Amino acid sequence: MSEPEFPRTIGKVAARELAAHGYTTFDSLTAVSAKELLKIHGVGPKAIRILGEELAAQGKTYAAD
């Protein structure tokens, strides 16, 4: 499993669970909706907000619901 590029501020559990589901890069998050990510154990609204802000800074977004 590759090391995720996500900021540590999302929490270790959220980063680990995202990586376990194959989400290790910001590009990988553009293929899934925030609603789907929230279904992953350990990924909460704070992580979704932080990741969404970083995606926006890169000119990207989560996939539509």
PDB file of N, CA and C in Angstrom:
ATOM      1  N   MET A   1       0.851  -1.176   0.000  1.00  0.00           N
ATOM      2  CA  MET A   1       0.000   0.000   0.000  1.00  0.00           C
ATOM      3  C   MET A   1       0.893   1.235   0.000  1.00  0.00           C
ATOM      4  N   SER A   2       0.611   2.180  -0.894  1.00  0.00           N
ATOM      5  CA  SER A   2       1.447   3.374  -0.974  1.00  0.00           C
ATOM      6  C   SER A   2       1.027   4.388   0.084  1.00  0.00           C
ATOM      7  N   GLU A   3       1.960   5.242   0.425  1.00  0.00           N
ATOM      8  CA  GLU A   3       1.720   6.271   1.429  1.00  0.00           C
ATOM      9  C   GLU A   3       0.804   7.347   0.841  1.00  0.00           C
ATOM     10  N   PRO A   4      -0.296   7.680   1.522  1.00  0.00           N
ATOM     11  CA  PRO A   4      -1.198   8.717   1.000  1.00  0.00           C
ATOM     12  C   PRO A   4      -0.547  10.096   1.022  1.00  0.00           C
ATOM     13  N   GLU A   5      -0.955  10.938   0.099  1.00  0.00           N
ATOM     14  CA  GLU A   5      -0.405  12.294   0.011  1.00  0.00           C
ATOM     15  C   GLU A   5      -1.244  13.290   0.792  1.00  0.00           C
ATOM     16  N   PHE A   6      -2.216  12.836   1.533  1.00  0.00           N
ATOM     17  CA  PHE A   6      -3.145  13.713   2.239  1.00  0.00           C
ATOM     18  C   PHE A   6      -2.502  14.369   3.456  1.00  0.00           C
ATOM     19  N   PRO A   7      -3.002  15.547   3.819  1.00  0.00           N
ATOM     20  CA  PRO A   7      -2.454  16.236   4.992  1.00  0.00           C
ATOM     21  C   PRO A   7      -2.723  15.451   6.276  1.00  0.00           C
ATOM     22  N   ARG A   8      -1.792  15.511   7.195  1.00  0.00           N
ATOM     23  CA  ARG A   8      -1.934  14.799   8.470  1.00  0.00           C
ATOM     24  C   ARG A   8      -3.124  15.295   9.274  1.00  0.00           C
ATOM     25  N   THR A   9      -3.597  16.483   8.977  1.00  0.00           N
ATOM     26  CA  THR A   9      -4.700  17.051   9.748  1.00  0.00           C
ATOM     27  C   THR A   9      -6.012  16.301   9.560  1.00  0.00           C
ATOM     28  N   ILE A  10      -6.097  15.397   8.593  1.00  0.00           N
ATOM     29  CA  ILE A  10      -7.336  14.620   8.454  1.00  0.00           C
ATOM     30  C   ILE A  10      -7.378  13.474   9.459  1.00  0.00           C
ATOM     31  N   GLY A  11      -6.258  13.176  10.080  1.00  0.00           N
ATOM     32  CA  GLY A  11      -6.206  12.106  11.072  1.00  0.00           C
ATOM     33  C   GLY A  11      -5.635  10.821  10.502  1.00  0.00           C
ATOM     34  N   LYS A  12      -4.966  10.080  11.368  1.00  0.00           N
ATOM     35  CA  LYS A  12      -4.323   8.835  10.947  1.00  0.00           C
ATOM     36  C   LYS A  12      -5.334   7.794  10.491  1.00  0.00           C
ATOM     37  N   VAL A  13      -6.430   7.673  11.222  1.00  0.00           N
ATOM     38  CA  VAL A  13      -7.432   6.655  10.879  1.00  0.00           C
ATOM     39  C   VAL A  13      -8.039   6.945   9.517  1.00  0.00           C
ATOM     40  N   ALA A  14      -8.425   8.205   9.292  1.00  0.00           N
ATOM     41  CA  ALA A  14      -9.024   8.571   8.008  1.00  0.00           C
ATOM     42  C   ALA A  14      -8.045   8.314   6.865  1.00  0.00           C
ATOM     43  N   ALA A  15      -6.788   8.725   7.029  1.00  0.00           N
ATOM     44  CA  ALA A  15      -5.787   8.512   5.978  1.00  0.00           C
ATOM     45  C   ALA A  15      -5.580   7.022   5.723  1.00  0.00           C
ATOM     46  N   ARG A  16      -5.500   6.235   6.785  1.00  0.00           N
ATOM     47  CA  ARG A  16      -5.292   4.793   6.643  1.00  0.00           C
ATOM     48  C   ARG A  16      -6.489   4.133   5.948  1.00  0.00           C
ATOM     49  N   GLU A  17      -7.686   4.495   6.342  1.00  0.00           N
ATOM     50  CA  GLU A  17      -8.881   3.888   5.747  1.00  0.00           C
ATOM     51  C   GLU A  17      -9.065   4.303   4.288  1.00  0.00           C
ATOM     52  N   LEU A  18      -8.766   5.548   3.972  1.00  0.00           N
ATOM     53  CA  LEU A  18      -8.836   5.978   2.573  1.00  0.00           C
ATOM     54  C   LEU A  18      -7.846   5.174   1.733  1.00  0.00           C
ATOM     55  N   ALA A  19      -6.633   5.019   2.245  1.00  0.00           N
ATOM     56  CA  ALA A  19      -5.614   4.250   1.524  1.00  0.00           C
ATOM     57  C   ALA A  19      -6.036   2.796   1.370  1.00  0.00           C
ATOM     58  N   ALA A  20      -6.655   2.236   2.397  1.00  0.00           N
ATOM     59  CA  ALA A  20      -7.111   0.847   2.339  1.00  0.00           C
ATOM     60  C   ALA A  20      -8.181   0.651   1.261  1.00  0.00           C
ATOM     61  N   HIS A  21      -8.898   1.731   0.953  1.00  0.00           N
ATOM     62  CA  HIS A  21      -9.925   1.679  -0.094  1.00  0.00           C
ATOM     63  C   HIS A  21      -9.393   2.142  -1.445  1.00  0.00           C
ATOM     64  N   GLY A  22      -8.086   2.387  -1.526  1.00  0.00           N
ATOM     65  CA  GLY A  22      -7.471   2.743  -2.805  1.00  0.00           C
ATOM     66  C   GLY A  22      -7.364   4.221  -3.084  1.00  0.00           C
ATOM     67  N   TYR A  23      -7.709   5.053  -2.111  1.00  0.00           N
ATOM     68  CA  TYR A  23      -7.640   6.501  -2.299  1.00  0.00           C
ATOM     69  C   TYR A  23      -6.362   7.017  -1.647  1.00  0.00           C
ATOM     70  N   THR A  24      -5.326   7.217  -2.446  1.00  0.00           N
ATOM     71  CA  THR A  24      -4.040   7.660  -1.912  1.00  0.00           C
ATOM     72  C   THR A  24      -3.567   8.979  -2.502  1.00  0.00           C
ATOM     73  N   THR A  25      -4.274   9.472  -3.513  1.00  0.00           N
ATOM     74  CA  THR A  25      -3.902  10.744  -4.135  1.00  0.00           C
ATOM     75  C   THR A  25      -5.134  11.623  -4.256  1.00  0.00           C
ATOM     76  N   PHE A  26      -4.913  12.905  -4.428  1.00  0.00           N
ATOM     77  CA  PHE A  26      -6.053  13.805  -4.620  1.00  0.00           C
ATOM     78  C   PHE A  26      -6.765  13.485  -5.921  1.00  0.00           C
ATOM     79  N   ASP A  27      -6.019  13.086  -6.947  1.00  0.00           N
ATOM     80  CA  ASP A  27      -6.665  12.696  -8.208  1.00  0.00           C
ATOM     81  C   ASP A  27      -7.625  11.534  -7.999  1.00  0.00           C
ATOM     82  N   SER A  28      -7.275  10.605  -7.125  1.00  0.00           N
ATOM     83  CA  SER A  28      -8.160   9.455  -6.892  1.00  0.00           C
ATOM     84  C   SER A  28      -9.474   9.888  -6.242  1.00  0.00           C
ATOM     85  N   LEU A  29      -9.449  10.985  -5.497  1.00  0.00           N
ATOM     86  CA  LEU A  29     -10.666  11.470  -4.845  1.00  0.00           C
ATOM     87  C   LEU A  29     -11.642  12.101  -5.830  1.00  0.00           C
ATOM     88  N   THR A  30     -11.164  12.492  -7.002  1.00  0.00           N
ATOM     89  CA  THR A  30     -12.059  13.116  -7.978  1.00  0.00           C
ATOM     90  C   THR A  30     -13.003  12.102  -8.618  1.00  0.00           C
ATOM     91  N   ALA A  31     -12.740  10.826  -8.397  1.00  0.00           N
ATOM     92  CA  ALA A  31     -13.578   9.775  -8.983  1.00  0.00           C
ATOM     93  C   ALA A  31     -14.672   9.297  -8.036  1.00  0.00           C
ATOM     94  N   VAL A  32     -14.754   9.879  -6.851  1.00  0.00           N
ATOM     95  CA  VAL A  32     -15.720   9.435  -5.844  1.00  0.00           C
ATOM     96  C   VAL A  32     -16.368  10.664  -5.204  1.00  0.00           C
ATOM     97  N   SER A  33     -17.610  10.510  -4.784  1.00  0.00           N
ATOM     98  CA  SER A  33     -18.308  11.628  -4.149  1.00  0.00           C
ATOM     99  C   SER A  33     -17.982  11.686  -2.658  1.00  0.00           C
ATOM    100  N   ALA A  34     -18.145  12.856  -2.089  1.00  0.00           N
ATOM    101  CA  ALA A  34     -17.946  13.027  -0.648  1.00  0.00           C
ATOM    102  C   ALA A  34     -18.917  12.135   0.117  1.00  0.00           C
ATOM    103  N   LYS A  35     -20.111  12.001  -0.400  1.00  0.00           N
ATOM    104  CA  LYS A  35     -21.127  11.150   0.241  1.00  0.00           C
ATOM    105  C   LYS A  35     -20.644   9.699   0.339  1.00  0.00           C
ATOM    106  N   GLU A  36     -20.017   9.203  -0.707  1.00  0.00           N
ATOM    107  CA  GLU A  36     -19.489   7.831  -0.695  1.00  0.00           C
ATOM    108  C   GLU A  36     -18.308   7.707   0.271  1.00  0.00           C
ATOM    109  N   LEU A  37     -17.457   8.717   0.303  1.00  0.00           N
ATOM    110  CA  LEU A  37     -16.314   8.682   1.211  1.00  0.00           C
ATOM    111  C   LEU A  37     -16.756   8.664   2.669  1.00  0.00           C
ATOM    112  N   LEU A  38     -17.845   9.353   2.970  1.00  0.00           N
ATOM    113  CA  LEU A  38     -18.349   9.379   4.342  1.00  0.00           C
ATOM    114  C   LEU A  38     -18.825   8.005   4.816  1.00  0.00           C
ATOM    115  N   LYS A  39     -19.070   7.103   3.903  1.00  0.00           N
ATOM    116  CA  LYS A  39     -19.490   5.741   4.268  1.00  0.00           C
ATOM    117  C   LYS A  39     -18.322   4.895   4.758  1.00  0.00           C
ATOM    118  N   ILE A  40     -17.093   5.372   4.540  1.00  0.00           N
ATOM    119  CA  ILE A  40     -15.905   4.635   4.966  1.00  0.00           C
ATOM    120  C   ILE A  40     -15.687   4.896   6.450  1.00  0.00           C
ATOM    121  N   HIS A  41     -15.568   3.817   7.216  1.00  0.00           N
ATOM    122  CA  HIS A  41     -15.329   3.930   8.649  1.00  0.00           C
ATOM    123  C   HIS A  41     -14.081   4.766   8.904  1.00  0.00           C
ATOM    124  N   GLY A  42     -14.198   5.750   9.786  1.00  0.00           N
ATOM    125  CA  GLY A  42     -13.053   6.584  10.132  1.00  0.00           C
ATOM    126  C   GLY A  42     -12.938   7.859   9.321  1.00  0.00           C
ATOM    127  N   VAL A  43     -13.745   7.989   8.293  1.00  0.00           N
ATOM    128  CA  VAL A  43     -13.715   9.201   7.467  1.00  0.00           C
ATOM    129  C   VAL A  43     -14.951  10.021   7.817  1.00  0.00           C
ATOM    130  N   GLY A  44     -14.714  11.166   8.443  1.00  0.00           N
ATOM    131  CA  GLY A  44     -15.820  12.002   8.889  1.00  0.00           C
ATOM    132  C   GLY A  44     -15.884  13.331   8.177  1.00  0.00           C
ATOM    133  N   PRO A  45     -16.833  14.159   8.596  1.00  0.00           N
ATOM    134  CA  PRO A  45     -17.025  15.465   7.967  1.00  0.00           C
ATOM    135  C   PRO A  45     -15.780  16.351   7.988  1.00  0.00           C
ATOM    136  N   LYS A  46     -14.984  16.294   9.070  1.00  0.00           N
ATOM    137  CA  LYS A  46     -13.778  17.116   9.132  1.00  0.00           C
ATOM    138  C   LYS A  46     -12.796  16.721   8.036  1.00  0.00           C
ATOM    139  N   ALA A  47     -12.568  15.430   7.861  1.00  0.00           N
ATOM    140  CA  ALA A  47     -11.649  14.958   6.813  1.00  0.00           C
ATOM    141  C   ALA A  47     -12.166  15.350   5.441  1.00  0.00           C
ATOM    142  N   ILE A  48     -13.463  15.200   5.220  1.00  0.00           N
ATOM    143  CA  ILE A  48     -14.057  15.557   3.931  1.00  0.00           C
ATOM    144  C   ILE A  48     -13.878  17.045   3.655  1.00  0.00           C
ATOM    145  N   ARG A  49     -14.067  17.875   4.672  1.00  0.00           N
ATOM    146  CA  ARG A  49     -13.905  19.324   4.509  1.00  0.00           C
ATOM    147  C   ARG A  49     -12.456  19.673   4.180  1.00  0.00           C
ATOM    148  N   ILE A  50     -11.517  19.124   4.935  1.00  0.00           N
ATOM    149  CA  ILE A  50     -10.101  19.425   4.710  1.00  0.00           C
ATOM    150  C   ILE A  50      -9.661  18.965   3.319  1.00  0.00           C
ATOM    151  N   LEU A  51     -10.040  17.758   2.955  1.00  0.00           N
ATOM    152  CA  LEU A  51      -9.672  17.242   1.635  1.00  0.00           C
ATOM    153  C   LEU A  51     -10.353  18.047   0.530  1.00  0.00           C
ATOM    154  N   GLY A  52     -11.604  18.428   0.746  1.00  0.00           N
ATOM    155  CA  GLY A  52     -12.329  19.235  -0.237  1.00  0.00           C
ATOM    156  C   GLY A  52     -11.686  20.590  -0.456  1.00  0.00           C
ATOM    157  N   GLU A  53     -11.191  21.199   0.638  1.00  0.00           N
ATOM    158  CA  GLU A  53     -10.499  22.486   0.519  1.00  0.00           C
ATOM    159  C   GLU A  53      -9.214  22.336  -0.290  1.00  0.00           C
ATOM    160  N   GLU A  54      -8.487  21.254  -0.050  1.00  0.00           N
ATOM    161  CA  GLU A  54      -7.247  21.026  -0.805  1.00  0.00           C
ATOM    162  C   GLU A  54      -7.555  20.726  -2.274  1.00  0.00           C
ATOM    163  N   LEU A  55      -8.600  19.952  -2.521  1.00  0.00           N
ATOM    164  CA  LEU A  55      -9.006  19.694  -3.908  1.00  0.00           C
ATOM    165  C   LEU A  55      -9.323  21.017  -4.612  1.00  0.00           C
ATOM    166  N   ALA A  56     -10.082  21.867  -3.947  1.00  0.00           N
ATOM    167  CA  ALA A  56     -10.461  23.161  -4.534  1.00  0.00           C
ATOM    168  C   ALA A  56      -9.227  24.011  -4.832  1.00  0.00           C
ATOM    169  N   ALA A  57      -8.247  23.971  -3.928  1.00  0.00           N
ATOM    170  CA  ALA A  57      -7.017  24.735  -4.132  1.00  0.00           C
ATOM    171  C   ALA A  57      -6.265  24.243  -5.362  1.00  0.00           C
ATOM    172  N   GLN A  58      -6.477  22.969  -5.707  1.00  0.00           N
ATOM    173  CA  GLN A  58      -5.841  22.393  -6.882  1.00  0.00           C
ATOM    174  C   GLN A  58      -6.743  22.492  -8.126  1.00  0.00           C
ATOM    175  N   GLY A  59      -7.910  23.130  -7.972  1.00  0.00           N
ATOM    176  CA  GLY A  59      -8.844  23.266  -9.088  1.00  0.00           C
ATOM    177  C   GLY A  59      -9.615  21.985  -9.376  1.00  0.00           C
ATOM    178  N   LYS A  60      -9.760  21.140  -8.358  1.00  0.00           N
ATOM    179  CA  LYS A  60     -10.451  19.858  -8.524  1.00  0.00           C
ATOM    180  C   LYS A  60     -11.617  19.773  -7.553  1.00  0.00           C
ATOM    181  N   THR A  61     -12.482  18.788  -7.769  1.00  0.00           N
ATOM    182  CA  THR A  61     -13.623  18.558  -6.873  1.00  0.00           C
ATOM    183  C   THR A  61     -13.856  17.064  -6.728  1.00  0.00           C
ATOM    184  N   TYR A  62     -14.642  16.723  -5.710  1.00  0.00           N
ATOM    185  CA  TYR A  62     -15.113  15.347  -5.611  1.00  0.00           C
ATOM    186  C   TYR A  62     -16.052  15.096  -6.791  1.00  0.00           C
ATOM    187  N   ALA A  63     -16.300  13.833  -7.084  1.00  0.00           N
ATOM    188  CA  ALA A  63     -17.283  13.491  -8.123  1.00  0.00           C
ATOM    189  C   ALA A  63     -18.666  13.912  -7.620  1.00  0.00           C
ATOM    190  N   ALA A  64     -19.572  14.152  -8.536  1.00  0.00           N
ATOM    191  CA  ALA A  64     -20.939  14.507  -8.156  1.00  0.00           C
ATOM    192  C   ALA A  64     -21.622  13.306  -7.521  1.00  0.00           C
ATOM    193  N   ASP A  65     -22.537  13.603  -6.606  1.00  0.00           N
ATOM    194  CA  ASP A  65     -23.296  12.528  -5.929  1.00  0.00           C
ATOM    195  C   ASP A  65     -24.150  11.757  -6.894  1.00  0.00           C
TER     196      ASP A  65
END
